[in-house]
Amino acid sequence: RDMGYPDTMIGAKHFLGMRISDLYSHDQLAKVDMPLADLCRDVGWTPP
């Protein structure tokens, strides 16, 4: 966004799917597009 695509509509899966073959089938990684707060609650992790 900072380098010239402020209205980009792609999400984390679009980007990570180019590099991670089991992104959609992996139990945890498939949730990567969840809002961070929801994802943190889901995995039981509190951001520092």
All heavy atoms as atom14 arrays in JSON, in Angstrom:
{
  "sequence": "RDMGYPDTMIGAKHFLGMRISDLYSHDQLAKVDMPLADLCRDVGWTPP",
  "atom14_mask": [
    [1, 1, 1, 1, 1, 1, 1, 1, 1, 1, 1, 0, 0, 0],
    [1, 1, 1, 1, 1, 1, 1, 1, 0, 0, 0, 0, 0, 0],
    [1, 1, 1, 1, 1, 1, 1, 1, 0, 0, 0, 0, 0, 0],
    [1, 1, 1, 1, 0, 0, 0, 0, 0, 0, 0, 0, 0, 0],
    [1, 1, 1, 1, 1, 1, 1, 1, 1, 1, 1, 1, 0, 0],
    [1, 1, 1, 1, 1, 1, 1, 0, 0, 0, 0, 0, 0, 0],
    [1, 1, 1, 1, 1, 1, 1, 1, 0, 0, 0, 0, 0, 0],
    [1, 1, 1, 1, 1, 1, 1, 0, 0, 0, 0, 0, 0, 0],
    [1, 1, 1, 1, 1, 1, 1, 1, 0, 0, 0, 0, 0, 0],
    [1, 1, 1, 1, 1, 1, 1, 1, 0, 0, 0, 0, 0, 0],
    [1, 1, 1, 1, 0, 0, 0, 0, 0, 0, 0, 0, 0, 0],
    [1, 1, 1, 1, 1, 0, 0, 0, 0, 0, 0, 0, 0, 0],
    [1, 1, 1, 1, 1, 1, 1, 1, 1, 0, 0, 0, 0, 0],
    [1, 1, 1, 1, 1, 1, 1, 1, 1, 1, 0, 0, 0, 0],
    [1, 1, 1, 1, 1, 1, 1, 1, 1, 1, 1, 0, 0, 0],
    [1, 1, 1, 1, 1, 1, 1, 1, 0, 0, 0, 0, 0, 0],
    [1, 1, 1, 1, 0, 0, 0, 0, 0, 0, 0, 0, 0, 0],
    [1, 1, 1, 1, 1, 1, 1, 1, 0, 0, 0, 0, 0, 0],
    [1, 1, 1, 1, 1, 1, 1, 1, 1, 1, 1, 0, 0, 0],
    [1, 1, 1, 1, 1, 1, 1, 1, 0, 0, 0, 0, 0, 0],
    [1, 1, 1, 1, 1, 1, 0, 0, 0, 0, 0, 0, 0, 0],
    [1, 1, 1, 1, 1, 1, 1, 1, 0, 0, 0, 0, 0, 0],
    [1, 1, 1, 1, 1, 1, 1, 1, 0, 0, 0, 0, 0, 0],
    [1, 1, 1, 1, 1, 1, 1, 1, 1, 1, 1, 1, 0, 0],
    [1, 1, 1, 1, 1, 1, 0, 0, 0, 0, 0, 0, 0, 0],
    [1, 1, 1, 1, 1, 1, 1, 1, 1, 1, 0, 0, 0, 0],
    [1, 1, 1, 1, 1, 1, 1, 1, 0, 0, 0, 0, 0, 0],
    [1, 1, 1, 1, 1, 1, 1, 1, 1, 0, 0, 0, 0, 0],
    [1, 1, 1, 1, 1, 1, 1, 1, 0, 0, 0, 0, 0, 0],
    [1, 1, 1, 1, 1, 0, 0, 0, 0, 0, 0, 0, 0, 0],
    [1, 1, 1, 1, 1, 1, 1, 1, 1, 0, 0, 0, 0, 0],
    [1, 1, 1, 1, 1, 1, 1, 0, 0, 0, 0, 0, 0, 0],
    [1, 1, 1, 1, 1, 1, 1, 1, 0, 0, 0, 0, 0, 0],
    [1, 1, 1, 1, 1, 1, 1, 1, 0, 0, 0, 0, 0, 0],
    [1, 1, 1, 1, 1, 1, 1, 0, 0, 0, 0, 0, 0, 0],
    [1, 1, 1, 1, 1, 1, 1, 1, 0, 0, 0, 0, 0, 0],
    [1, 1, 1, 1, 1, 0, 0, 0, 0, 0, 0, 0, 0, 0],
    [1, 1, 1, 1, 1, 1, 1, 1, 0, 0, 0, 0, 0, 0],
    [1, 1, 1, 1, 1, 1, 1, 1, 0, 0, 0, 0, 0, 0],
    [1, 1, 1, 1, 1, 1, 0, 0, 0, 0, 0, 0, 0, 0],
    [1, 1, 1, 1, 1, 1, 1, 1, 1, 1, 1, 0, 0, 0],
    [1, 1, 1, 1, 1, 1, 1, 1, 0, 0, 0, 0, 0, 0],
    [1, 1, 1, 1, 1, 1, 1, 0, 0, 0, 0, 0, 0, 0],
    [1, 1, 1, 1, 0, 0, 0, 0, 0, 0, 0, 0, 0, 0],
    [1, 1, 1, 1, 1, 1, 1, 1, 1, 1, 1, 1, 1, 1],
    [1, 1, 1, 1, 1, 1, 1, 0, 0, 0, 0, 0, 0, 0],
    [1, 1, 1, 1, 1, 1, 1, 0, 0, 0, 0, 0, 0, 0],
    [1, 1, 1, 1, 1, 1, 1, 0, 0, 0, 0, 0, 0, 0]
  ],
  "atom14_positions": [
    [[0.84, -1.21, 0.0], [0.0, 0.0, 0.0], [0.87, 1.26, 0.0], [0.57, 2.23, -0.68], [-0.91, 0.0, 1.23], [-2.03, -1.0, 1.15], [-2.99, -0.89, 2.35], [-3.83, -2.06, 2.4], [-3.59, -3.14, 3.15], [-2.54, -3.16, 3.96], [-4.4, -4.17, 3.13], [0.0, 0.0, 0.0], [0.0, 0.0, 0.0], [0.0, 0.0, 0.0]],
    [[1.93, 1.21, 0.78], [2.82, 2.37, 0.92], [3.55, 2.7, -0.37], [3.84, 3.85, -0.65], [3.82, 2.08, 2.04], [4.5, 3.33, 2.55], [4.01, 4.44, 2.29], [5.53, 3.2, 3.24], [0.0, 0.0, 0.0], [0.0, 0.0, 0.0], [0.0, 0.0, 0.0], [0.0, 0.0, 0.0], [0.0, 0.0, 0.0], [0.0, 0.0, 0.0]],
    [[3.83, 1.68, -1.17], [4.64, 1.89, -2.37], [3.81, 2.17, -3.62], [4.36, 2.24, -4.72], [5.55, 0.69, -2.6], [6.63, 0.59, -1.53], [7.69, -0.84, -1.74], [8.5, -0.44, -3.27], [0.0, 0.0, 0.0], [0.0, 0.0, 0.0], [0.0, 0.0, 0.0], [0.0, 0.0, 0.0], [0.0, 0.0, 0.0], [0.0, 0.0, 0.0]],
    [[2.51, 2.34, -3.49], [1.76, 2.76, -4.66], [0.47, 2.04, -4.93], [-0.19, 2.31, -5.93], [0.0, 0.0, 0.0], [0.0, 0.0, 0.0], [0.0, 0.0, 0.0], [0.0, 0.0, 0.0], [0.0, 0.0, 0.0], [0.0, 0.0, 0.0], [0.0, 0.0, 0.0], [0.0, 0.0, 0.0], [0.0, 0.0, 0.0], [0.0, 0.0, 0.0]],
    [[0.04, 1.14, -4.05], [-1.23, 0.45, -4.23], [-2.1, 0.64, -2.99], [-2.42, -0.31, -2.29], [-1.0, -1.05, -4.48], [-0.22, -1.32, -5.73], [1.16, -1.52, -5.67], [-0.84, -1.36, -6.97], [1.89, -1.76, -6.83], [-0.12, -1.6, -8.13], [1.25, -1.8, -8.04], [1.97, -2.02, -9.19], [0.0, 0.0, 0.0], [0.0, 0.0, 0.0]],
    [[-2.5, 1.89, -2.71], [-3.22, 2.15, -1.46], [-4.58, 1.46, -1.38], [-5.08, 1.21, -0.29], [-3.38, 3.68, -1.44], [-3.23, 4.09, -2.87], [-2.31, 3.1, -3.5], [0.0, 0.0, 0.0], [0.0, 0.0, 0.0], [0.0, 0.0, 0.0], [0.0, 0.0, 0.0], [0.0, 0.0, 0.0], [0.0, 0.0, 0.0], [0.0, 0.0, 0.0]],
    [[-5.17, 1.14, -2.53], [-6.5, 0.52, -2.52], [-6.43, -0.98, -2.75], [-7.42, -1.59, -3.16], [-7.38, 1.17, -3.6], [-7.55, 2.66, -3.37], [-7.63, 3.06, -2.2], [-7.59, 3.42, -4.35], [0.0, 0.0, 0.0], [0.0, 0.0, 0.0], [0.0, 0.0, 0.0], [0.0, 0.0, 0.0], [0.0, 0.0, 0.0], [0.0, 0.0, 0.0]],
    [[-5.28, -1.59, -2.49], [-5.14, -3.03, -2.74], [-6.2, -3.81, -1.99], [-6.55, -3.49, -0.86], [-3.72, -3.52, -2.37], [-3.57, -4.87, -2.82], [-3.46, -3.46, -0.88], [0.0, 0.0, 0.0], [0.0, 0.0, 0.0], [0.0, 0.0, 0.0], [0.0, 0.0, 0.0], [0.0, 0.0, 0.0], [0.0, 0.0, 0.0], [0.0, 0.0, 0.0]],
    [[-6.73, -4.83, -2.65], [-7.81, -5.64, -2.06], [-7.35, -7.05, -1.72], [-8.15, -7.87, -1.28], [-9.0, -5.7, -3.03], [-9.6, -4.33, -3.35], [-10.28, -3.51, -1.9], [-11.73, -4.49, -1.64], [0.0, 0.0, 0.0], [0.0, 0.0, 0.0], [0.0, 0.0, 0.0], [0.0, 0.0, 0.0], [0.0, 0.0, 0.0], [0.0, 0.0, 0.0]],
    [[-6.06, -7.36, -1.94], [-5.62, -8.73, -1.67], [-5.45, -8.92, -0.16], [-5.22, -7.97, 0.58], [-4.31, -9.07, -2.42], [-3.13, -8.24, -1.92], [-4.49, -8.93, -3.91], [-1.79, -8.7, -2.47], [0.0, 0.0, 0.0], [0.0, 0.0, 0.0], [0.0, 0.0, 0.0], [0.0, 0.0, 0.0], [0.0, 0.0, 0.0], [0.0, 0.0, 0.0]],
    [[-5.58, -10.16, 0.25], [-5.43, -10.49, 1.67], [-4.18, -11.32, 1.9], [-3.41, -11.6, 0.97], [0.0, 0.0, 0.0], [0.0, 0.0, 0.0], [0.0, 0.0, 0.0], [0.0, 0.0, 0.0], [0.0, 0.0, 0.0], [0.0, 0.0, 0.0], [0.0, 0.0, 0.0], [0.0, 0.0, 0.0], [0.0, 0.0, 0.0], [0.0, 0.0, 0.0]],
    [[-4.0, -11.74, 3.13], [-2.81, -12.52, 3.5], [-2.72, -13.82, 2.71], [-1.64, -14.23, 2.3], [-2.84, -12.81, 5.0], [0.0, 0.0, 0.0], [0.0, 0.0, 0.0], [0.0, 0.0, 0.0], [0.0, 0.0, 0.0], [0.0, 0.0, 0.0], [0.0, 0.0, 0.0], [0.0, 0.0, 0.0], [0.0, 0.0, 0.0], [0.0, 0.0, 0.0]],
    [[-3.88, -14.48, 2.47], [-3.86, -15.75, 1.73], [-3.38, -15.57, 0.29], [-2.68, -16.43, -0.25], [-5.24, -16.41, 1.75], [-5.53, -17.13, 3.04], [-6.86, -17.86, 2.96], [-7.15, -18.58, 4.26], [-8.5, -19.13, 4.3], [0.0, 0.0, 0.0], [0.0, 0.0, 0.0], [0.0, 0.0, 0.0], [0.0, 0.0, 0.0], [0.0, 0.0, 0.0]],
    [[-3.76, -14.46, -0.34], [-3.31, -14.22, -1.71], [-1.79, -14.16, -1.77], [-1.17, -14.68, -2.68], [-3.89, -12.91, -2.25], [-5.36, -12.92, -2.4], [-6.16, -12.16, -1.6], [-6.18, -13.61, -3.24], [-7.43, -12.37, -1.95], [-7.46, -13.24, -2.93], [0.0, 0.0, 0.0], [0.0, 0.0, 0.0], [0.0, 0.0, 0.0], [0.0, 0.0, 0.0]],
    [[-1.23, -13.52, -0.77], [0.22, -13.35, -0.75], [0.93, -14.63, -0.31], [1.86, -15.1, -0.95], [0.56, -12.18, 0.18], [1.99, -12.1, 0.55], [2.95, -11.8, -0.39], [2.39, -12.39, 1.85], [4.29, -11.76, -0.04], [3.72, -12.34, 2.19], [4.67, -12.02, 1.24], [0.0, 0.0, 0.0], [0.0, 0.0, 0.0], [0.0, 0.0, 0.0]],
    [[0.47, -15.22, 0.78], [1.13, -16.41, 1.32], [0.91, -17.65, 0.44], [1.74, -18.55, 0.41], [0.64, -16.69, 2.74], [1.04, -15.65, 3.78], [0.34, -15.92, 5.1], [2.55, -15.6, 3.97], [0.0, 0.0, 0.0], [0.0, 0.0, 0.0], [0.0, 0.0, 0.0], [0.0, 0.0, 0.0], [0.0, 0.0, 0.0], [0.0, 0.0, 0.0]],
    [[-0.22, -17.68, -0.27], [-0.53, -18.82, -1.12], [0.47, -19.02, -2.25], [0.55, -20.1, -2.84], [0.0, 0.0, 0.0], [0.0, 0.0, 0.0], [0.0, 0.0, 0.0], [0.0, 0.0, 0.0], [0.0, 0.0, 0.0], [0.0, 0.0, 0.0], [0.0, 0.0, 0.0], [0.0, 0.0, 0.0], [0.0, 0.0, 0.0], [0.0, 0.0, 0.0]],
    [[1.25, -18.01, -2.55], [2.29, -18.15, -3.58], [3.48, -18.96, -3.06], [4.27, -19.47, -3.84], [2.79, -16.77, -4.02], [1.74, -15.9, -4.65], [2.46, -14.28, -5.01], [0.99, -13.34, -5.35], [0.0, 0.0, 0.0], [0.0, 0.0, 0.0], [0.0, 0.0, 0.0], [0.0, 0.0, 0.0], [0.0, 0.0, 0.0], [0.0, 0.0, 0.0]],
    [[3.61, -19.05, -1.74], [4.79, -19.68, -1.16], [4.49, -20.91, -0.31], [5.36, -21.71, -0.06], [5.54, -18.65, -0.31], [5.76, -17.32, -1.01], [6.77, -16.47, -0.34], [8.09, -17.0, -0.43], [8.88, -16.93, -1.49], [8.43, -16.4, -2.59], [10.1, -17.42, -1.47], [0.0, 0.0, 0.0], [0.0, 0.0, 0.0], [0.0, 0.0, 0.0]],
    [[3.25, -21.04, 0.17], [2.91, -22.14, 1.07], [1.9, -23.04, 0.37], [0.75, -22.65, 0.15], [2.33, -21.61, 2.41], [3.35, -20.68, 3.07], [1.95, -22.75, 3.32], [2.84, -19.95, 4.29], [0.0, 0.0, 0.0], [0.0, 0.0, 0.0], [0.0, 0.0, 0.0], [0.0, 0.0, 0.0], [0.0, 0.0, 0.0], [0.0, 0.0, 0.0]],
    [[2.33, -24.25, 0.05], [1.5, -25.15, -0.76], [0.26, -25.65, -0.02], [-0.79, -25.85, -0.63], [2.33, -26.32, -1.28], [2.86, -27.05, -0.19], [0.0, 0.0, 0.0], [0.0, 0.0, 0.0], [0.0, 0.0, 0.0], [0.0, 0.0, 0.0], [0.0, 0.0, 0.0], [0.0, 0.0, 0.0], [0.0, 0.0, 0.0], [0.0, 0.0, 0.0]],
    [[0.36, -25.85, 1.3], [-0.79, -26.4, 2.03], [-1.54, -25.33, 2.82], [-2.18, -25.61, 3.83], [-0.34, -27.55, 2.95], [0.67, -27.07, 4.0], [1.23, -25.97, 3.85], [0.89, -27.81, 4.99], [0.0, 0.0, 0.0], [0.0, 0.0, 0.0], [0.0, 0.0, 0.0], [0.0, 0.0, 0.0], [0.0, 0.0, 0.0], [0.0, 0.0, 0.0]],
    [[-1.49, -24.11, 2.35], [-2.1, -22.99, 3.07], [-3.58, -23.24, 3.35], [-4.06, -22.98, 4.45], [-1.94, -21.69, 2.26], [-2.56, -20.44, 2.87], [-1.83, -20.03, 4.14], [-2.5, -19.29, 1.87], [0.0, 0.0, 0.0], [0.0, 0.0, 0.0], [0.0, 0.0, 0.0], [0.0, 0.0, 0.0], [0.0, 0.0, 0.0], [0.0, 0.0, 0.0]],
    [[-4.31, -23.72, 2.37], [-5.76, -23.88, 2.53], [-6.14, -25.17, 3.26], [-7.23, -25.26, 3.81], [-6.45, -23.81, 1.16], [-6.34, -22.42, 0.55], [-5.3, -22.09, -0.31], [-7.25, -21.44, 0.89], [-5.19, -20.82, -0.84], [-7.15, -20.16, 0.37], [-6.12, -19.85, -0.5], [-6.02, -18.58, -1.02], [0.0, 0.0, 0.0], [0.0, 0.0, 0.0]],
    [[-5.25, -26.13, 3.28], [-5.57, -27.4, 3.94], [-4.98, -27.51, 5.34], [-5.4, -28.34, 6.14], [-5.09, -28.58, 3.09], [-3.68, -28.51, 2.92], [0.0, 0.0, 0.0], [0.0, 0.0, 0.0], [0.0, 0.0, 0.0], [0.0, 0.0, 0.0], [0.0, 0.0, 0.0], [0.0, 0.0, 0.0], [0.0, 0.0, 0.0], [0.0, 0.0, 0.0]],
    [[-4.03, -26.65, 5.67], [-3.39, -26.68, 6.99], [-4.38, -26.16, 8.03], [-5.02, -25.11, 7.85], [-2.12, -25.81, 6.97], [-1.28, -25.96, 8.19], [-1.57, -25.33, 9.37], [-0.13, -26.66, 8.4], [-0.65, -25.62, 10.26], [0.23, -26.45, 9.7], [0.0, 0.0, 0.0], [0.0, 0.0, 0.0], [0.0, 0.0, 0.0], [0.0, 0.0, 0.0]],
    [[-4.51, -26.89, 9.13], [-5.49, -26.57, 10.16], [-5.37, -25.13, 10.67], [-6.36, -24.42, 10.79], [-5.34, -27.57, 11.32], [-6.38, -27.35, 12.41], [-7.55, -27.16, 12.04], [-6.01, -27.33, 13.6], [0.0, 0.0, 0.0], [0.0, 0.0, 0.0], [0.0, 0.0, 0.0], [0.0, 0.0, 0.0], [0.0, 0.0, 0.0], [0.0, 0.0, 0.0]],
    [[-4.16, -24.69, 10.98], [-3.94, -23.34, 11.53], [-3.76, -22.28, 10.45], [-4.37, -21.22, 10.52], [-2.73, -23.35, 12.48], [-2.96, -24.07, 13.78], [-4.02, -23.38, 14.64], [-4.02, -22.16, 14.8], [-4.94, -24.17, 15.17], [0.0, 0.0, 0.0], [0.0, 0.0, 0.0], [0.0, 0.0, 0.0], [0.0, 0.0, 0.0], [0.0, 0.0, 0.0]],
    [[-2.92, -22.56, 9.44], [-2.61, -21.54, 8.43], [-3.83, -21.12, 7.62], [-3.9, -20.0, 7.12], [-1.5, -22.03, 7.5], [-0.11, -22.18, 8.13], [0.89, -22.7, 7.12], [0.37, -20.86, 8.72], [0.0, 0.0, 0.0], [0.0, 0.0, 0.0], [0.0, 0.0, 0.0], [0.0, 0.0, 0.0], [0.0, 0.0, 0.0], [0.0, 0.0, 0.0]],
    [[-4.81, -22.01, 7.51], [-6.03, -21.67, 6.77], [-6.77, -20.51, 7.42], [-7.61, -19.87, 6.79], [-6.94, -22.89, 6.66], [0.0, 0.0, 0.0], [0.0, 0.0, 0.0], [0.0, 0.0, 0.0], [0.0, 0.0, 0.0], [0.0, 0.0, 0.0], [0.0, 0.0, 0.0], [0.0, 0.0, 0.0], [0.0, 0.0, 0.0], [0.0, 0.0, 0.0]],
    [[-6.45, -20.19, 8.68], [-7.14, -19.11, 9.41], [-6.4, -17.77, 9.31], [-6.77, -16.81, 9.97], [-7.25, -19.5, 10.89], [-8.03, -20.78, 11.12], [-7.97, -21.16, 12.59], [-8.71, -22.47, 12.83], [-8.64, -22.89, 14.24], [0.0, 0.0, 0.0], [0.0, 0.0, 0.0], [0.0, 0.0, 0.0], [0.0, 0.0, 0.0], [0.0, 0.0, 0.0]],
    [[-5.39, -17.71, 8.47], [-4.51, -16.54, 8.44], [-5.22, -15.24, 8.04], [-4.76, -14.16, 8.37], [-3.27, -16.8, 7.54], [-3.64, -16.71, 6.07], [-2.12, -15.89, 7.89], [0.0, 0.0, 0.0], [0.0, 0.0, 0.0], [0.0, 0.0, 0.0], [0.0, 0.0, 0.0], [0.0, 0.0, 0.0], [0.0, 0.0, 0.0], [0.0, 0.0, 0.0]],
    [[-6.36, -15.34, 7.36], [-7.09, -14.12, 6.97], [-8.05, -13.62, 8.06], [-8.68, -12.59, 7.89], [-7.86, -14.35, 5.67], [-7.06, -13.91, 4.45], [-6.17, -13.05, 4.61], [-7.31, -14.42, 3.35], [0.0, 0.0, 0.0], [0.0, 0.0, 0.0], [0.0, 0.0, 0.0], [0.0, 0.0, 0.0], [0.0, 0.0, 0.0], [0.0, 0.0, 0.0]],
    [[-8.13, -14.33, 9.17], [-8.98, -13.86, 10.28], [-8.42, -12.54, 10.81], [-7.21, -12.32, 10.74], [-8.98, -14.89, 11.43], [-9.75, -16.16, 11.15], [-9.53, -17.37, 12.5], [-10.44, -16.59, 13.83], [0.0, 0.0, 0.0], [0.0, 0.0, 0.0], [0.0, 0.0, 0.0], [0.0, 0.0, 0.0], [0.0, 0.0, 0.0], [0.0, 0.0, 0.0]],
    [[-9.26, -11.68, 11.36], [-8.73, -10.49, 12.04], [-7.75, -10.93, 13.14], [-7.96, -11.97, 13.78], [-9.97, -9.82, 12.64], [-11.1, -10.31, 11.78], [-10.73, -11.7, 11.35], [0.0, 0.0, 0.0], [0.0, 0.0, 0.0], [0.0, 0.0, 0.0], [0.0, 0.0, 0.0], [0.0, 0.0, 0.0], [0.0, 0.0, 0.0], [0.0, 0.0, 0.0]],
    [[-6.7, -10.16, 13.34], [-5.64, -10.55, 14.27], [-6.17, -10.85, 15.67], [-5.77, -11.84, 16.28], [-4.55, -9.46, 14.33], [-3.36, -9.78, 15.23], [-2.62, -11.03, 14.75], [-2.42, -8.59, 15.32], [0.0, 0.0, 0.0], [0.0, 0.0, 0.0], [0.0, 0.0, 0.0], [0.0, 0.0, 0.0], [0.0, 0.0, 0.0], [0.0, 0.0, 0.0]],
    [[-7.07, -10.02, 16.16], [-7.58, -10.23, 17.52], [-8.29, -11.6, 17.62], [-8.1, -12.33, 18.59], [-8.53, -9.11, 17.91], [0.0, 0.0, 0.0], [0.0, 0.0, 0.0], [0.0, 0.0, 0.0], [0.0, 0.0, 0.0], [0.0, 0.0, 0.0], [0.0, 0.0, 0.0], [0.0, 0.0, 0.0], [0.0, 0.0, 0.0], [0.0, 0.0, 0.0]],
    [[-9.07, -11.93, 16.59], [-9.78, -13.22, 16.59], [-8.8, -14.37, 16.48], [-8.95, -15.4, 17.15], [-10.78, -13.28, 15.43], [-11.9, -12.26, 15.58], [-12.1, -11.75, 16.7], [-12.57, -11.96, 14.56], [0.0, 0.0, 0.0], [0.0, 0.0, 0.0], [0.0, 0.0, 0.0], [0.0, 0.0, 0.0], [0.0, 0.0, 0.0], [0.0, 0.0, 0.0]],
    [[-7.79, -14.21, 15.63], [-6.78, -15.26, 15.45], [-6.0, -15.48, 16.75], [-5.75, -16.63, 17.14], [-5.84, -14.89, 14.3], [-4.8, -15.93, 13.9], [-5.47, -17.23, 13.47], [-3.92, -15.38, 12.77], [0.0, 0.0, 0.0], [0.0, 0.0, 0.0], [0.0, 0.0, 0.0], [0.0, 0.0, 0.0], [0.0, 0.0, 0.0], [0.0, 0.0, 0.0]],
    [[-5.65, -14.4, 17.42], [-4.92, -14.52, 18.7], [-5.76, -15.27, 19.73], [-5.25, -16.15, 20.44], [-4.54, -13.14, 19.23], [-3.22, -12.35, 18.3], [0.0, 0.0, 0.0], [0.0, 0.0, 0.0], [0.0, 0.0, 0.0], [0.0, 0.0, 0.0], [0.0, 0.0, 0.0], [0.0, 0.0, 0.0], [0.0, 0.0, 0.0], [0.0, 0.0, 0.0]],
    [[-7.05, -14.95, 19.81], [-7.94, -15.66, 20.73], [-8.03, -17.13, 20.35], [-7.99, -18.01, 21.21], [-9.34, -15.03, 20.7], [-9.58, -14.0, 21.78], [-11.03, -13.63, 21.93], [-11.68, -13.23, 20.7], [-11.62, -12.0, 20.19], [-10.94, -11.06, 20.83], [-12.24, -11.72, 19.07], [0.0, 0.0, 0.0], [0.0, 0.0, 0.0], [0.0, 0.0, 0.0]],
    [[-8.12, -17.4, 19.04], [-8.28, -18.77, 18.56], [-7.08, -19.65, 18.93], [-7.26, -20.81, 19.26], [-8.48, -18.75, 17.03], [-8.88, -20.1, 16.5], [-10.04, -20.51, 16.74], [-8.04, -20.76, 15.84], [0.0, 0.0, 0.0], [0.0, 0.0, 0.0], [0.0, 0.0, 0.0], [0.0, 0.0, 0.0], [0.0, 0.0, 0.0], [0.0, 0.0, 0.0]],
    [[-5.88, -19.06, 18.84], [-4.68, -19.86, 19.15], [-4.19, -19.66, 20.58], [-3.18, -20.22, 20.98], [-3.52, -19.57, 18.14], [-3.93, -19.95, 16.73], [-3.07, -18.12, 18.21], [0.0, 0.0, 0.0], [0.0, 0.0, 0.0], [0.0, 0.0, 0.0], [0.0, 0.0, 0.0], [0.0, 0.0, 0.0], [0.0, 0.0, 0.0], [0.0, 0.0, 0.0]],
    [[-4.89, -18.83, 21.34], [-4.51, -18.6, 22.74], [-3.21, -17.86, 22.92], [-2.4, -18.19, 23.79], [0.0, 0.0, 0.0], [0.0, 0.0, 0.0], [0.0, 0.0, 0.0], [0.0, 0.0, 0.0], [0.0, 0.0, 0.0], [0.0, 0.0, 0.0], [0.0, 0.0, 0.0], [0.0, 0.0, 0.0], [0.0, 0.0, 0.0], [0.0, 0.0, 0.0]],
    [[-2.99, -16.83, 22.12], [-1.74, -16.06, 22.18], [-2.07, -14.59, 22.43], [-2.95, -14.02, 21.78], [-0.98, -16.22, 20.86], [0.38, -15.58, 20.84], [1.52, -16.06, 21.41], [0.75, -14.36, 20.19], [2.57, -15.22, 21.17], [2.13, -14.16, 20.41], [0.06, -13.41, 19.45], [2.83, -13.07, 19.92], [0.74, -12.31, 18.96], [2.12, -12.13, 19.19]],
    [[-1.36, -13.97, 23.36], [-1.56, -12.55, 23.64], [-0.39, -11.76, 23.07], [0.76, -12.03, 23.43], [-1.65, -12.3, 25.16], [-2.71, -13.1, 25.69], [-1.92, -10.84, 25.46], [0.0, 0.0, 0.0], [0.0, 0.0, 0.0], [0.0, 0.0, 0.0], [0.0, 0.0, 0.0], [0.0, 0.0, 0.0], [0.0, 0.0, 0.0], [0.0, 0.0, 0.0]],
    [[-0.65, -10.8, 22.2], [0.43, -10.0, 21.64], [1.18, -9.26, 22.73], [0.57, -8.78, 23.7], [-0.29, -9.02, 20.71], [-1.62, -9.61, 20.44], [-1.97, -10.41, 21.65], [0.0, 0.0, 0.0], [0.0, 0.0, 0.0], [0.0, 0.0, 0.0], [0.0, 0.0, 0.0], [0.0, 0.0, 0.0], [0.0, 0.0, 0.0], [0.0, 0.0, 0.0]],
    [[2.5, -9.12, 22.59], [3.28, -8.43, 23.63], [2.83, -7.0, 23.86], [2.91, -6.48, 24.97], [4.72, -8.46, 23.1], [4.73, -9.35, 21.93], [3.32, -9.62, 21.52], [0.0, 0.0, 0.0], [0.0, 0.0, 0.0], [0.0, 0.0, 0.0], [0.0, 0.0, 0.0], [0.0, 0.0, 0.0], [0.0, 0.0, 0.0], [0.0, 0.0, 0.0]]
  ]
}
